[in-house]
Amino acid sequence: MSDPHILLAGESLALGMPRQDMLPEYHKWENDLGTVIGYGNQWAQAWEVRAAGYERQRANERYQQFEVVRLEDKAAVGMTVLQVNTYVRTAEFVIVLAPEERGKGHAAEAVRLTLDWAFHVAHLRMVWLKVLEPNHAGIAAYEKAGFREVGHLRQSGYWLGKPVDEILMDALPEDFPGPSAVTAALGD
C-alpha cells in the first residue's frame, strides 16, 4: 500500500487523496451489508463496475473524493465525497466508513473536516445530504458536524426491506461548528 497523501489534518483524523491501490478496500466497504442497508440499496456493486468507474470519478472535477485517514497509524478508515454542482456552488455529501471503524466517533470528525474543506477551500455556499430516518447514529454525527434537518422525502428509501423516509439535511458556512482546520493550517 502507498502512504496516504494528507490534505487536511484534524484532531485524530485527516482527509487525504484517494489511492488507486486502496480501491479493493474501498470496494469492500461499499459492499458491506451495513453500508448497503444504510444507503437503502438492494444490491452490491460488482468489482468490474467499481474499477471501471474509478478513473471516470477521478477525472470529474464535480466528484471530489477524500480518503479519511486515522492520524495515529495512517490507516484509511473511510471515504467522503462532495458531488459538486458548480453552477450554484453547492454539493451533496456522502460518507462510507470501514465496517470495523464504525461506532468509534470517526463519522462526526470526518464530516466536519469535509465541511471545513467545502466551505473554506472550495467556497461552497451549501452542502446537503440524504439519510434514512432509522439511521440515528448517522443523523447524530451529521448534526454534531453542523448539518440541520430541513425536510423529508416520504417513503423514498428502504431500511431492512421496508419503505422509510429519507431526511434531508443541509449545512451553510455559518453552521460550521469550528474551529477550522483549514485556517489553523494556514496560521490564521
Protein backbone atom coordinates (compact mmCIF):
# COMPACT_ATOMS: atom_id res chain seq x y z
CA MET A 1 0.00 0.00 0.00
CA SER A 2 1.12 3.51 -0.74
CA ASP A 3 1.35 6.12 2.00
CA PRO A 4 -1.62 8.47 2.30
CA HIS A 5 -1.32 11.96 0.83
CA ILE A 6 -2.75 14.11 3.63
CA LEU A 7 -4.60 17.24 2.54
CA LEU A 8 -6.12 18.43 5.83
CA ALA A 9 -5.45 17.18 9.35
CA GLY A 10 -7.91 17.35 12.22
CA GLU A 11 -7.62 16.14 15.80
CA SER A 12 -7.49 12.37 15.20
CA LEU A 13 -8.39 12.09 11.52
CA ALA A 14 -7.29 13.66 8.26
CA LEU A 15 -8.59 14.00 4.72
CA GLY A 16 -6.32 12.55 2.07
CA MET A 17 -6.28 11.91 -1.64
CA PRO A 18 -7.92 8.62 -2.68
CA ARG A 19 -5.37 5.98 -3.63
CA GLN A 20 -5.83 3.62 -6.54
CA ASP A 21 -4.13 0.77 -4.66
CA MET A 22 -6.82 1.14 -1.95
CA LEU A 23 -9.66 0.61 -4.44
CA PRO A 24 -10.21 -3.04 -3.43
CA GLU A 25 -10.57 -1.92 0.20
CA TYR A 26 -12.98 0.89 -0.73
CA HIS A 27 -14.99 -1.65 -2.74
CA LYS A 28 -15.22 -3.94 0.32
CA TRP A 29 -16.50 -1.08 2.48
CA GLU A 30 -19.09 -0.04 -0.12
CA ASN A 31 -20.40 -3.59 -0.39
CA ASP A 32 -20.51 -4.37 3.31
CA LEU A 33 -24.03 -5.39 4.33
CA GLY A 34 -24.32 -2.46 6.77
CA THR A 35 -23.31 0.01 4.05
CA VAL A 36 -25.74 -1.45 1.52
CA ILE A 37 -28.60 -1.26 4.05
CA GLY A 38 -27.53 2.19 5.24
CA TYR A 39 -27.67 3.58 1.71
CA GLY A 40 -31.01 1.87 1.06
CA ASN A 41 -29.52 -0.15 -1.79
CA GLN A 42 -30.71 -3.58 -2.69
CA TRP A 43 -27.65 -4.91 -4.48
CA ALA A 44 -23.90 -4.98 -4.11
CA GLN A 45 -21.76 -3.46 -6.86
CA ALA A 46 -19.58 -5.75 -8.99
CA TRP A 47 -15.82 -5.21 -8.81
CA GLU A 48 -15.63 -4.57 -12.56
CA VAL A 49 -18.19 -1.76 -12.30
CA ARG A 50 -16.36 -0.13 -9.37
CA ALA A 51 -12.95 -0.44 -11.01
CA ALA A 52 -14.21 0.99 -14.31
CA GLY A 53 -15.83 3.93 -12.52
CA TYR A 54 -12.71 4.91 -10.58
CA GLU A 55 -10.94 6.72 -13.42
CA ARG A 56 -14.12 8.49 -14.51
CA GLN A 57 -14.67 9.70 -10.95
CA ARG A 58 -11.07 10.88 -10.55
CA ALA A 59 -11.28 12.87 -13.80
CA ASN A 60 -14.58 14.52 -12.81
CA GLU A 61 -13.97 17.82 -11.01
CA ARG A 62 -17.57 17.73 -9.80
CA TYR A 63 -16.97 14.49 -7.86
CA GLN A 64 -14.48 15.31 -5.12
CA GLN A 65 -13.43 12.29 -3.05
CA PHE A 66 -11.42 12.22 0.16
CA GLU A 67 -9.89 9.27 1.93
CA VAL A 68 -10.43 9.51 5.69
CA VAL A 69 -7.15 8.64 7.44
CA ARG A 70 -6.56 7.93 11.14
CA LEU A 71 -3.57 10.10 12.08
CA GLU A 72 -2.30 7.73 14.78
CA ASP A 73 -1.30 4.98 12.34
CA LYS A 74 -2.06 6.47 8.88
CA ALA A 75 -4.73 3.78 8.30
CA ALA A 76 -7.61 4.52 5.93
CA VAL A 77 -10.89 4.32 7.84
CA GLY A 78 -13.38 5.68 5.31
CA MET A 79 -14.21 7.92 2.37
CA THR A 80 -16.18 11.13 1.98
CA VAL A 81 -17.46 12.59 -1.27
CA LEU A 82 -18.70 16.00 -2.36
CA GLN A 83 -20.79 15.81 -5.53
CA VAL A 84 -20.47 19.44 -6.56
CA ASN A 85 -22.96 21.46 -8.56
CA THR A 86 -20.61 24.10 -9.94
CA TYR A 87 -23.44 26.26 -11.29
CA VAL A 88 -24.89 27.07 -7.87
CA ARG A 89 -21.81 26.24 -5.71
CA THR A 90 -23.49 23.53 -3.64
CA ALA A 91 -22.69 19.85 -3.11
CA GLU A 92 -24.27 16.62 -2.00
CA PHE A 93 -22.30 14.90 0.77
CA VAL A 94 -21.74 11.12 1.04
CA ILE A 95 -19.71 9.13 3.58
CA VAL A 96 -18.74 5.49 3.99
CA LEU A 97 -16.76 4.16 6.92
CA ALA A 98 -14.91 0.87 7.07
CA PRO A 99 -17.17 -1.59 8.90
CA GLU A 100 -14.62 -2.19 11.67
CA GLU A 101 -14.30 1.58 12.25
CA ARG A 102 -17.98 2.32 12.83
CA GLY A 103 -19.09 3.30 16.30
CA LYS A 104 -15.73 4.86 17.20
CA GLY A 105 -16.72 8.50 16.75
CA HIS A 106 -14.99 8.90 13.39
CA ALA A 107 -18.08 9.99 11.45
CA ALA A 108 -18.56 13.39 13.10
CA GLU A 109 -14.91 14.38 12.66
CA ALA A 110 -14.79 13.12 9.06
CA VAL A 111 -17.96 15.07 8.24
CA ARG A 112 -16.65 18.21 9.97
CA LEU A 113 -13.32 18.05 8.09
CA THR A 114 -15.14 17.63 4.78
CA LEU A 115 -17.41 20.60 5.55
CA ASP A 116 -14.34 22.61 6.54
CA TRP A 117 -12.82 21.88 3.12
CA ALA A 118 -16.14 22.57 1.36
CA PHE A 119 -16.63 25.98 2.97
CA HIS A 120 -13.06 27.23 3.46
CA VAL A 121 -11.25 25.80 0.42
CA ALA A 122 -13.90 25.02 -2.22
CA HIS A 123 -16.01 28.06 -1.20
CA LEU A 124 -19.29 26.19 -1.49
CA ARG A 125 -22.46 28.00 -0.39
CA MET A 126 -24.26 24.95 0.96
CA VAL A 127 -23.74 21.20 1.41
CA TRP A 128 -26.67 18.81 1.69
CA LEU A 129 -27.30 15.11 2.26
CA LYS A 130 -30.00 12.49 2.49
CA VAL A 131 -30.05 10.00 5.35
CA LEU A 132 -32.51 7.18 6.02
CA GLU A 133 -34.71 8.02 9.00
CA PRO A 134 -33.79 4.90 11.05
CA ASN A 135 -30.05 5.78 10.82
CA HIS A 136 -29.96 7.51 14.22
CA ALA A 137 -26.16 7.27 14.59
CA GLY A 138 -25.63 8.93 11.20
CA ILE A 139 -28.10 11.71 11.97
CA ALA A 140 -26.38 12.42 15.31
CA ALA A 141 -22.94 12.60 13.62
CA TYR A 142 -24.25 14.92 10.90
CA GLU A 143 -25.86 17.24 13.46
CA LYS A 144 -22.68 17.33 15.54
CA ALA A 145 -20.76 18.41 12.43
CA GLY A 146 -23.17 21.25 11.61
CA PHE A 147 -25.94 19.76 9.46
CA ARG A 148 -29.58 20.60 10.20
CA GLU A 149 -32.74 18.76 9.23
CA VAL A 150 -34.64 20.65 6.53
CA GLY A 151 -37.25 18.17 5.30
CA HIS A 152 -38.31 14.64 4.45
CA LEU A 153 -38.69 12.67 1.26
CA ARG A 154 -41.59 10.49 2.32
CA GLN A 155 -41.21 6.74 1.84
CA SER A 156 -38.37 7.30 -0.66
CA GLY A 157 -35.86 4.91 0.90
CA TYR A 158 -35.67 1.34 2.18
CA TRP A 159 -34.44 0.06 5.53
CA LEU A 160 -34.44 -3.70 6.08
CA GLY A 161 -36.94 -4.17 3.27
CA LYS A 162 -39.43 -1.57 4.47
CA PRO A 163 -40.07 1.84 2.91
CA VAL A 164 -38.85 4.70 5.12
CA ASP A 165 -38.46 8.45 4.84
CA GLU A 166 -35.19 9.98 3.80
CA ILE A 167 -34.31 13.01 5.89
CA LEU A 168 -32.84 15.96 4.02
CA MET A 169 -30.16 17.85 5.92
CA ASP A 170 -28.05 20.82 4.91
CA ALA A 171 -25.24 22.97 6.25
CA LEU A 172 -24.27 26.53 5.46
CA PRO A 173 -20.88 28.10 6.20
CA GLU A 174 -22.35 29.87 9.23
CA ASP A 175 -23.46 26.47 10.61
CA PHE A 176 -19.87 25.20 10.67
CA PRO A 177 -19.08 24.42 14.34
CA GLY A 178 -15.34 25.23 14.09
CA PRO A 179 -12.59 25.56 14.84
CA SER A 180 -11.43 25.37 11.26
CA ALA A 181 -8.54 23.02 10.49
CA VAL A 182 -8.05 24.97 7.26
CA THR A 183 -7.47 28.30 8.98
CA ALA A 184 -5.35 26.59 11.66
CA ALA A 185 -3.15 25.05 8.94
CA LEU A 186 -2.69 28.50 7.40
CA GLY A 187 -1.89 30.09 10.73
CA ASP A 188 -4.95 32.36 10.72
